[in-house]
């Protein structure tokens, strides 16, 4: 009798365990399977290749800038560079 009660309690406790849905199992597989992560990274790299190739054909834009200040003290003129960075004139 005691054995059957123990077995019955064990059966009910096992059946009460929550079942994992397919999406949760897939998400765990994505996190833990290196082959799936490699395949996803390869797919994303292939998707990024087209915009990067197109960007080489588009116009390129770059710029630089400098600021100077002139001070007239009469007989000698001095020019000094104004900088936001401690290393020298600022460039953009």
PDB file of N, CA and C in Angstrom:
ATOM      1  N   UNK A   1       0.813  -1.190   0.000  1.00  0.00           N
ATOM      2  CA  UNK A   1       0.000   0.000   0.000  1.00  0.00           C
ATOM      3  C   UNK A   1       0.864   1.266   0.000  1.00  0.00           C
ATOM      4  N   UNK A   2       1.903   1.240   0.836  1.00  0.00           N
ATOM      5  CA  UNK A   2       2.787   2.402   0.921  1.00  0.00           C
ATOM      6  C   UNK A   2       3.525   2.608  -0.400  1.00  0.00           C
ATOM      7  N   UNK A   3       3.874   1.516  -1.045  1.00  0.00           N
ATOM      8  CA  UNK A   3       4.567   1.624  -2.332  1.00  0.00           C
ATOM      9  C   UNK A   3       3.664   2.233  -3.393  1.00  0.00           C
ATOM     10  N   UNK A   4       2.434   1.855  -3.427  1.00  0.00           N
ATOM     11  CA  UNK A   4       1.515   2.372  -4.447  1.00  0.00           C
ATOM     12  C   UNK A   4       1.241   3.861  -4.226  1.00  0.00           C
ATOM     13  N   UNK A   5       1.178   4.287  -2.974  1.00  0.00           N
ATOM     14  CA  UNK A   5       0.986   5.715  -2.701  1.00  0.00           C
ATOM     15  C   UNK A   5       2.221   6.512  -3.127  1.00  0.00           C
ATOM     16  N   UNK A   6       3.382   5.971  -2.873  1.00  0.00           N
ATOM     17  CA  UNK A   6       4.616   6.636  -3.284  1.00  0.00           C
ATOM     18  C   UNK A   6       4.695   6.729  -4.804  1.00  0.00           C
ATOM     19  N   UNK A   7       4.345   5.654  -5.489  1.00  0.00           N
ATOM     20  CA  UNK A   7       4.354   5.639  -6.942  1.00  0.00           C
ATOM     21  C   UNK A   7       3.326   6.605  -7.502  1.00  0.00           C
ATOM     22  N   UNK A   8       2.142   6.647  -6.912  1.00  0.00           N
ATOM     23  CA  UNK A   8       1.097   7.563  -7.354  1.00  0.00           C
ATOM     24  C   UNK A   8       1.533   9.018  -7.157  1.00  0.00           C
ATOM     25  N   UNK A   9       2.151   9.340  -6.033  1.00  0.00           N
ATOM     26  CA  UNK A   9       2.637  10.698  -5.781  1.00  0.00           C
ATOM     27  C   UNK A   9       3.743  11.072  -6.762  1.00  0.00           C
ATOM     28  N   UNK A  10       4.589  10.118  -7.088  1.00  0.00           N
ATOM     29  CA  UNK A  10       5.659  10.367  -8.047  1.00  0.00           C
ATOM     30  C   UNK A  10       5.101  10.632  -9.445  1.00  0.00           C
ATOM     31  N   UNK A  11       4.099   9.876  -9.847  1.00  0.00           N
ATOM     32  CA  UNK A  11       3.489  10.057 -11.181  1.00  0.00           C
ATOM     33  C   UNK A  11       2.837  11.430 -11.285  1.00  0.00           C
ATOM     34  N   UNK A  12       2.118  11.849 -10.248  1.00  0.00           N
ATOM     35  CA  UNK A  12       1.463  13.153 -10.292  1.00  0.00           C
ATOM     36  C   UNK A  12       2.459  14.304 -10.248  1.00  0.00           C
ATOM     37  N   UNK A  13       3.564  14.141  -9.543  1.00  0.00           N
ATOM     38  CA  UNK A  13       4.553  15.218  -9.474  1.00  0.00           C
ATOM     39  C   UNK A  13       5.304  15.363 -10.792  1.00  0.00           C
ATOM     40  N   UNK A  14       5.525  14.258 -11.500  1.00  0.00           N
ATOM     41  CA  UNK A  14       6.211  14.319 -12.783  1.00  0.00           C
ATOM     42  C   UNK A  14       5.309  14.930 -13.841  1.00  0.00           C
ATOM     43  N   UNK A  15       4.038  14.605 -13.853  1.00  0.00           N
ATOM     44  CA  UNK A  15       3.132  15.132 -14.860  1.00  0.00           C
ATOM     45  C   UNK A  15       2.837  16.607 -14.633  1.00  0.00           C
ATOM     46  N   UNK A  16       3.070  17.122 -13.461  1.00  0.00           N
ATOM     47  CA  UNK A  16       2.810  18.522 -13.159  1.00  0.00           C
ATOM     48  C   UNK A  16       3.951  19.425 -13.608  1.00  0.00           C
ATOM     49  N   UNK A  17       5.052  18.853 -14.061  1.00  0.00           N
ATOM     50  CA  UNK A  17       6.179  19.670 -14.508  1.00  0.00           C
ATOM     51  C   UNK A  17       5.789  20.423 -15.778  1.00  0.00           C
ATOM     52  N   UNK A  18       6.157  21.696 -15.877  1.00  0.00           N
ATOM     53  CA  UNK A  18       5.770  22.477 -17.060  1.00  0.00           C
ATOM     54  C   UNK A  18       6.516  21.999 -18.304  1.00  0.00           C
ATOM     55  N   UNK A  19       5.797  21.907 -19.385  1.00  0.00           N
ATOM     56  CA  UNK A  19       6.397  21.491 -20.644  1.00  0.00           C
ATOM     57  C   UNK A  19       6.972  22.710 -21.349  1.00  0.00           C
ATOM     58  N   UNK A  20       8.128  22.552 -21.957  1.00  0.00           N
ATOM     59  CA  UNK A  20       8.756  23.649 -22.697  1.00  0.00           C
ATOM     60  C   UNK A  20       8.132  23.728 -24.084  1.00  0.00           C
ATOM     61  N   UNK A  21       7.769  24.942 -24.496  1.00  0.00           N
ATOM     62  CA  UNK A  21       7.213  25.072 -25.835  1.00  0.00           C
ATOM     63  C   UNK A  21       8.341  25.086 -26.869  1.00  0.00           C
ATOM     64  N   UNK A  22       7.962  24.947 -28.104  1.00  0.00           N
ATOM     65  CA  UNK A  22       8.940  24.812 -29.178  1.00  0.00           C
ATOM     66  C   UNK A  22       9.800  26.062 -29.328  1.00  0.00           C
ATOM     67  N   UNK A  23       9.211  27.229 -29.141  1.00  0.00           N
ATOM     68  CA  UNK A  23       9.969  28.469 -29.265  1.00  0.00           C
ATOM     69  C   UNK A  23      11.037  28.587 -28.179  1.00  0.00           C
ATOM     70  N   UNK A  24      10.709  28.190 -26.959  1.00  0.00           N
ATOM     71  CA  UNK A  24      11.695  28.251 -25.873  1.00  0.00           C
ATOM     72  C   UNK A  24      12.844  27.291 -26.133  1.00  0.00           C
ATOM     73  N   UNK A  25      12.527  26.114 -26.645  1.00  0.00           N
ATOM     74  CA  UNK A  25      13.579  25.143 -26.960  1.00  0.00           C
ATOM     75  C   UNK A  25      14.468  25.684 -28.081  1.00  0.00           C
ATOM     76  N   UNK A  26      13.857  26.306 -29.086  1.00  0.00           N
ATOM     77  CA  UNK A  26      14.627  26.876 -30.199  1.00  0.00           C
ATOM     78  C   UNK A  26      15.526  28.010 -29.716  1.00  0.00           C
ATOM     79  N   UNK A  27      15.020  28.884 -28.853  1.00  0.00           N
ATOM     80  CA  UNK A  27      15.828  29.984 -28.329  1.00  0.00           C
ATOM     81  C   UNK A  27      17.024  29.464 -27.538  1.00  0.00           C
ATOM     82  N   UNK A  28      16.822  28.433 -26.735  1.00  0.00           N
ATOM     83  CA  UNK A  28      17.947  27.847 -25.997  1.00  0.00           C
ATOM     84  C   UNK A  28      18.945  27.204 -26.948  1.00  0.00           C
ATOM     85  N   UNK A  29      18.446  26.589 -28.020  1.00  0.00           N
ATOM     86  CA  UNK A  29      19.349  25.986 -29.004  1.00  0.00           C
ATOM     87  C   UNK A  29      20.170  27.059 -29.699  1.00  0.00           C
ATOM     88  N   UNK A  30      19.549  28.193 -30.014  1.00  0.00           N
ATOM     89  CA  UNK A  30      20.301  29.290 -30.641  1.00  0.00           C
ATOM     90  C   UNK A  30      21.399  29.814 -29.725  1.00  0.00           C
ATOM     91  N   UNK A  31      21.110  29.891 -28.445  1.00  0.00           N
ATOM     92  CA  UNK A  31      22.091  30.418 -27.501  1.00  0.00           C
ATOM     93  C   UNK A  31      23.242  29.449 -27.266  1.00  0.00           C
ATOM     94  N   UNK A  32      22.979  28.164 -27.350  1.00  0.00           N
ATOM     95  CA  UNK A  32      23.981  27.185 -26.944  1.00  0.00           C
ATOM     96  C   UNK A  32      24.643  26.431 -28.084  1.00  0.00           C
ATOM     97  N   UNK A  33      24.108  26.480 -29.280  1.00  0.00           N
ATOM     98  CA  UNK A  33      24.662  25.697 -30.383  1.00  0.00           C
ATOM     99  C   UNK A  33      25.586  26.582 -31.227  1.00  0.00           C
ATOM    100  N   UNK A  34      26.887  26.301 -31.250  1.00  0.00           N
ATOM    101  CA  UNK A  34      27.809  27.150 -32.014  1.00  0.00           C
ATOM    102  C   UNK A  34      27.576  27.076 -33.522  1.00  0.00           C
ATOM    103  N   UNK A  35      27.069  25.962 -34.029  1.00  0.00           N
ATOM    104  CA  UNK A  35      26.815  25.862 -35.467  1.00  0.00           C
ATOM    105  C   UNK A  35      25.656  26.764 -35.873  1.00  0.00           C
ATOM    106  N   UNK A  36      24.628  26.843 -35.048  1.00  0.00           N
ATOM    107  CA  UNK A  36      23.515  27.735 -35.357  1.00  0.00           C
ATOM    108  C   UNK A  36      23.946  29.196 -35.276  1.00  0.00           C
ATOM    109  N   UNK A  37      24.767  29.529 -34.278  1.00  0.00           N
ATOM    110  CA  UNK A  37      25.262  30.912 -34.182  1.00  0.00           C
ATOM    111  C   UNK A  37      26.139  31.260 -35.371  1.00  0.00           C
ATOM    112  N   UNK A  38      26.952  30.307 -35.826  1.00  0.00           N
ATOM    113  CA  UNK A  38      27.798  30.547 -36.999  1.00  0.00           C
ATOM    114  C   UNK A  38      26.940  30.749 -38.240  1.00  0.00           C
ATOM    115  N   UNK A  39      25.907  29.952 -38.402  1.00  0.00           N
ATOM    116  CA  UNK A  39      25.024  30.096 -39.560  1.00  0.00           C
ATOM    117  C   UNK A  39      24.306  31.443 -39.534  1.00  0.00           C
ATOM    118  N   UNK A  40      23.870  31.885 -38.369  1.00  0.00           N
ATOM    119  CA  UNK A  40      23.209  33.187 -38.261  1.00  0.00           C
ATOM    120  C   UNK A  40      24.183  34.325 -38.564  1.00  0.00           C
ATOM    121  N   UNK A  41      25.409  34.219 -38.086  1.00  0.00           N
ATOM    122  CA  UNK A  41      26.410  35.249 -38.366  1.00  0.00           C
ATOM    123  C   UNK A  41      26.750  35.292 -39.859  1.00  0.00           C
ATOM    124  N   UNK A  42      26.820  34.143 -40.488  1.00  0.00           N
ATOM    125  CA  UNK A  42      27.086  34.095 -41.929  1.00  0.00           C
ATOM    126  C   UNK A  42      25.948  34.720 -42.706  1.00  0.00           C
ATOM    127  N   UNK A  43      24.714  34.455 -42.288  1.00  0.00           N
ATOM    128  CA  UNK A  43      23.545  35.042 -42.960  1.00  0.00           C
ATOM    129  C   UNK A  43      23.545  36.565 -42.815  1.00  0.00           C
ATOM    130  N   UNK A  44      23.829  37.055 -41.611  1.00  0.00           N
ATOM    131  CA  UNK A  44      23.860  38.504 -41.400  1.00  0.00           C
ATOM    132  C   UNK A  44      24.989  39.163 -42.183  1.00  0.00           C
ATOM    133  N   UNK A  45      26.129  38.490 -42.296  1.00  0.00           N
ATOM    134  CA  UNK A  45      27.243  39.035 -43.070  1.00  0.00           C
ATOM    135  C   UNK A  45      26.891  39.107 -44.550  1.00  0.00           C
ATOM    136  N   UNK A  46      26.188  38.104 -45.044  1.00  0.00           N
ATOM    137  CA  UNK A  46      25.773  38.123 -46.452  1.00  0.00           C
ATOM    138  C   UNK A  46      24.765  39.236 -46.709  1.00  0.00           C
ATOM    139  N   UNK A  47      23.877  39.485 -45.761  1.00  0.00           N
ATOM    140  CA  UNK A  47      22.921  40.583 -45.915  1.00  0.00           C
ATOM    141  C   UNK A  47      23.610  41.942 -45.877  1.00  0.00           C
ATOM    142  N   UNK A  48      24.688  42.061 -45.129  1.00  0.00           N
ATOM    143  CA  UNK A  48      25.400  43.336 -45.006  1.00  0.00           C
ATOM    144  C   UNK A  48      26.324  43.590 -46.181  1.00  0.00           C
ATOM    145  N   UNK A  49      26.676  42.570 -46.940  1.00  0.00           N
ATOM    146  CA  UNK A  49      27.632  42.725 -48.037  1.00  0.00           C
ATOM    147  C   UNK A  49      27.096  43.656 -49.123  1.00  0.00           C
ATOM    148  N   UNK A  50      25.815  43.581 -49.439  1.00  0.00           N
ATOM    149  CA  UNK A  50      25.249  44.418 -50.498  1.00  0.00           C
ATOM    150  C   UNK A  50      25.295  45.910 -50.146  1.00  0.00           C
ATOM    151  N   UNK A  51      24.840  46.335 -48.944  1.00  0.00           N
ATOM    152  CA  UNK A  51      24.943  47.767 -48.618  1.00  0.00           C
ATOM    153  C   UNK A  51      26.386  48.269 -48.562  1.00  0.00           C
ATOM    154  N   UNK A  52      27.308  47.419 -48.112  1.00  0.00           N
ATOM    155  CA  UNK A  52      28.701  47.857 -48.067  1.00  0.00           C
ATOM    156  C   UNK A  52      29.276  48.013 -49.472  1.00  0.00           C
ATOM    157  N   UNK A  53      28.906  47.128 -50.398  1.00  0.00           N
ATOM    158  CA  UNK A  53      29.380  47.253 -51.774  1.00  0.00           C
ATOM    159  C   UNK A  53      28.776  48.487 -52.427  1.00  0.00           C
ATOM    160  N   UNK A  54      27.516  48.772 -52.134  1.00  0.00           N
ATOM    161  CA  UNK A  54      26.863  49.948 -52.691  1.00  0.00           C
ATOM    162  C   UNK A  54      27.480  51.232 -52.139  1.00  0.00           C
ATOM    163  N   UNK A  55      27.924  51.224 -50.898  1.00  0.00           N
ATOM    164  CA  UNK A  55      28.485  52.434 -50.299  1.00  0.00           C
ATOM    165  C   UNK A  55      29.774  52.869 -50.984  1.00  0.00           C
ATOM    166  N   UNK A  56      30.493  51.941 -51.598  1.00  0.00           N
ATOM    167  CA  UNK A  56      31.717  52.314 -52.320  1.00  0.00           C
ATOM    168  C   UNK A  56      31.393  53.118 -53.574  1.00  0.00           C
ATOM    169  N   UNK A  57      30.189  52.971 -54.104  1.00  0.00           N
ATOM    170  CA  UNK A  57      29.798  53.701 -55.307  1.00  0.00           C
ATOM    171  C   UNK A  57      29.210  55.073 -54.994  1.00  0.00           C
ATOM    172  N   UNK A  58      28.826  55.305 -53.767  1.00  0.00           N
ATOM    173  CA  UNK A  58      28.217  56.576 -53.391  1.00  0.00           C
ATOM    174  C   UNK A  58      29.285  57.637 -53.149  1.00  0.00           C
ATOM    175  N   UNK A  59      28.906  58.910 -53.251  1.00  0.00           N
ATOM    176  CA  UNK A  59      29.886  59.982 -53.004  1.00  0.00           C
ATOM    177  C   UNK A  59      30.415  59.926 -51.569  1.00  0.00           C
ATOM    178  N   UNK A  60      31.688  60.228 -51.437  1.00  0.00           N
ATOM    179  CA  UNK A  60      32.325  60.239 -50.126  1.00  0.00           C
ATOM    180  C   UNK A  60      32.456  61.686 -49.658  1.00  0.00           C
ATOM    181  N   UNK A  61      32.258  61.924 -48.393  1.00  0.00           N
ATOM    182  CA  UNK A  61      32.310  63.261 -47.837  1.00  0.00           C
ATOM    183  C   UNK A  61      33.266  63.261 -46.657  1.00  0.00           C
ATOM    184  N   UNK A  62      34.182  64.212 -46.661  1.00  0.00           N
ATOM    185  CA  UNK A  62      35.076  64.376 -45.523  1.00  0.00           C
ATOM    186  C   UNK A  62      35.321  65.864 -45.335  1.00  0.00           C
ATOM    187  N   UNK A  63      35.783  66.235 -44.187  1.00  0.00           N
ATOM    188  CA  UNK A  63      36.013  67.650 -43.941  1.00  0.00           C
ATOM    189  C   UNK A  63      37.045  67.851 -42.851  1.00  0.00           C
ATOM    190  N   UNK A  64      37.680  68.992 -42.885  1.00  0.00           N
ATOM    191  CA  UNK A  64      38.618  69.401 -41.849  1.00  0.00           C
ATOM    192  C   UNK A  64      38.369  70.877 -41.561  1.00  0.00           C
ATOM    193  N   UNK A  65      38.867  71.339 -40.486  1.00  0.00           N
ATOM    194  CA  UNK A  65      38.700  72.738 -40.144  1.00  0.00           C
ATOM    195  C   UNK A  65      39.816  73.209 -39.230  1.00  0.00           C
ATOM    196  N   UNK A  66      40.062  74.488 -39.252  1.00  0.00           N
ATOM    197  CA  UNK A  66      41.063  75.097 -38.373  1.00  0.00           C
ATOM    198  C   UNK A  66      40.607  76.505 -38.027  1.00  0.00           C
ATOM    199  N   UNK A  67      40.965  76.965 -36.849  1.00  0.00           N
ATOM    200  CA  UNK A  67      40.608  78.299 -36.391  1.00  0.00           C
ATOM    201  C   UNK A  67      41.886  78.976 -35.937  1.00  0.00           C
ATOM    202  N   UNK A  68      42.076  80.193 -36.378  1.00  0.00           N
ATOM    203  CA  UNK A  68      43.232  80.974 -35.911  1.00  0.00           C
ATOM    204  C   UNK A  68      42.749  82.323 -35.402  1.00  0.00           C
ATOM    205  N   UNK A  69      43.550  82.899 -34.563  1.00  0.00           N
ATOM    206  CA  UNK A  69      43.254  84.218 -34.029  1.00  0.00           C
ATOM    207  C   UNK A  69      44.472  85.099 -34.270  1.00  0.00           C
ATOM    208  N   UNK A  70      44.235  86.270 -34.821  1.00  0.00           N
ATOM    209  CA  UNK A  70      45.327  87.224 -35.047  1.00  0.00           C
ATOM    210  C   UNK A  70      45.170  88.378 -34.075  1.00  0.00           C
ATOM    211  N   UNK A  71      46.317  88.785 -33.553  1.00  0.00           N
ATOM    212  CA  UNK A  71      46.314  89.894 -32.609  1.00  0.00           C
ATOM    213  C   UNK A  71      47.299  90.944 -33.108  1.00  0.00           C
ATOM    214  N   UNK A  72      46.817  92.158 -33.279  1.00  0.00           N
ATOM    215  CA  UNK A  72      47.671  93.256 -33.738  1.00  0.00           C
ATOM    216  C   UNK A  72      48.090  94.071 -32.522  1.00  0.00           C
ATOM    217  N   UNK A  73      49.400  94.008 -32.215  1.00  0.00           N
ATOM    218  CA  UNK A  73      49.899  94.737 -31.047  1.00  0.00           C
ATOM    219  C   UNK A  73      50.769  95.924 -31.444  1.00  0.00           C
ATOM    220  N   UNK A  74      50.623  96.346 -32.655  1.00  0.00           N
ATOM    221  CA  UNK A  74      51.416  97.499 -33.073  1.00  0.00           C
ATOM    222  C   UNK A  74      52.510  97.082 -34.024  1.00  0.00           C
ATOM    223  N   UNK A  75      53.733  96.979 -33.524  1.00  0.00           N
ATOM    224  CA  UNK A  75      54.870  96.700 -34.391  1.00  0.00           C
ATOM    225  C   UNK A  75      54.978  95.223 -34.782  1.00  0.00           C
ATOM    226  N   UNK A  76      54.456  94.294 -33.970  1.00  0.00           N
ATOM    227  CA  UNK A  76      54.553  92.864 -34.302  1.00  0.00           C
ATOM    228  C   UNK A  76      53.158  92.253 -34.310  1.00  0.00           C
ATOM    229  N   UNK A  77      52.941  91.358 -35.228  1.00  0.00           N
ATOM    230  CA  UNK A  77      51.677  90.624 -35.301  1.00  0.00           C
ATOM    231  C   UNK A  77      51.935  89.178 -34.888  1.00  0.00           C
ATOM    232  N   UNK A  78      51.023  88.627 -34.117  1.00  0.00           N
ATOM    233  CA  UNK A  78      51.149  87.225 -33.722  1.00  0.00           C
ATOM    234  C   UNK A  78      49.890  86.480 -34.146  1.00  0.00           C
ATOM    235  N   UNK A  79      50.095  85.246 -34.504  1.00  0.00           N
ATOM    236  CA  UNK A  79      48.975  84.370 -34.860  1.00  0.00           C
ATOM    237  C   UNK A  79      49.079  83.124 -34.003  1.00  0.00           C
ATOM    238  N   UNK A  80      47.962  82.732 -33.367  1.00  0.00           N
ATOM    239  CA  UNK A  80      47.974  81.528 -32.557  1.00  0.00           C
ATOM    240  C   UNK A  80      46.791  80.659 -32.964  1.00  0.00           C
ATOM    241  N   UNK A  81      47.002  79.368 -32.888  1.00  0.00           N
ATOM    242  CA  UNK A  81      45.941  78.415 -33.226  1.00  0.00           C
ATOM    243  C   UNK A  81      45.057  78.217 -32.004  1.00  0.00           C
ATOM    244  N   UNK A  82      43.759  78.196 -32.233  1.00  0.00           N
ATOM    245  CA  UNK A  82      42.799  77.933 -31.169  1.00  0.00           C
ATOM    246  C   UNK A  82      42.422  76.468 -31.262  1.00  0.00           C
ATOM    247  N   UNK A  83      42.491  75.780 -30.140  1.00  0.00           N
ATOM    248  CA  UNK A  83      42.269  74.338 -30.163  1.00  0.00           C
ATOM    249  C   UNK A  83      41.339  73.932 -29.047  1.00  0.00           C
ATOM    250  N   UNK A  84      40.447  72.964 -29.350  1.00  0.00           N
ATOM    251  CA  UNK A  84      39.601  72.376 -28.315  1.00  0.00           C
ATOM    252  C   UNK A  84      40.270  71.169 -27.693  1.00  0.00           C
ATOM    253  N   UNK A  85      41.217  70.604 -28.391  1.00  0.00           N
ATOM    254  CA  UNK A  85      41.921  69.419 -27.886  1.00  0.00           C
ATOM    255  C   UNK A  85      43.259  69.840 -27.333  1.00  0.00           C
ATOM    256  N   UNK A  86      43.765  69.162 -26.319  1.00  0.00           N
ATOM    257  CA  UNK A  86      45.052  69.542 -25.735  1.00  0.00           C
ATOM    258  C   UNK A  86      46.227  69.285 -26.654  1.00  0.00           C
ATOM    259  N   UNK A  87      46.062  68.486 -27.704  1.00  0.00           N
ATOM    260  CA  UNK A  87      47.188  68.129 -28.561  1.00  0.00           C
ATOM    261  C   UNK A  87      47.491  69.115 -29.676  1.00  0.00           C
ATOM    262  N   UNK A  88      46.550  69.936 -30.063  1.00  0.00           N
ATOM    263  CA  UNK A  88      46.804  70.848 -31.163  1.00  0.00           C
ATOM    264  C   UNK A  88      45.504  71.326 -31.762  1.00  0.00           C
ATOM    265  N   UNK A  89      45.560  71.859 -32.991  1.00  0.00           N
ATOM    266  CA  UNK A  89      44.349  72.380 -33.619  1.00  0.00           C
ATOM    267  C   UNK A  89      43.313  71.289 -33.815  1.00  0.00           C
ATOM    268  N   UNK A  90      42.056  71.671 -33.677  1.00  0.00           N
ATOM    269  CA  UNK A  90      40.999  70.680 -33.811  1.00  0.00           C
ATOM    270  C   UNK A  90      40.724  70.393 -35.284  1.00  0.00           C
ATOM    271  N   UNK A  91      40.459  69.148 -35.586  1.00  0.00           N
ATOM    272  CA  UNK A  91      40.095  68.745 -36.950  1.00  0.00           C
ATOM    273  C   UNK A  91      38.793  67.969 -36.884  1.00  0.00           C
ATOM    274  N   UNK A  92      38.075  68.000 -37.955  1.00  0.00           N
ATOM    275  CA  UNK A  92      36.785  67.297 -38.012  1.00  0.00           C
ATOM    276  C   UNK A  92      36.919  66.124 -38.953  1.00  0.00           C
TER     277      UNK A  92
END
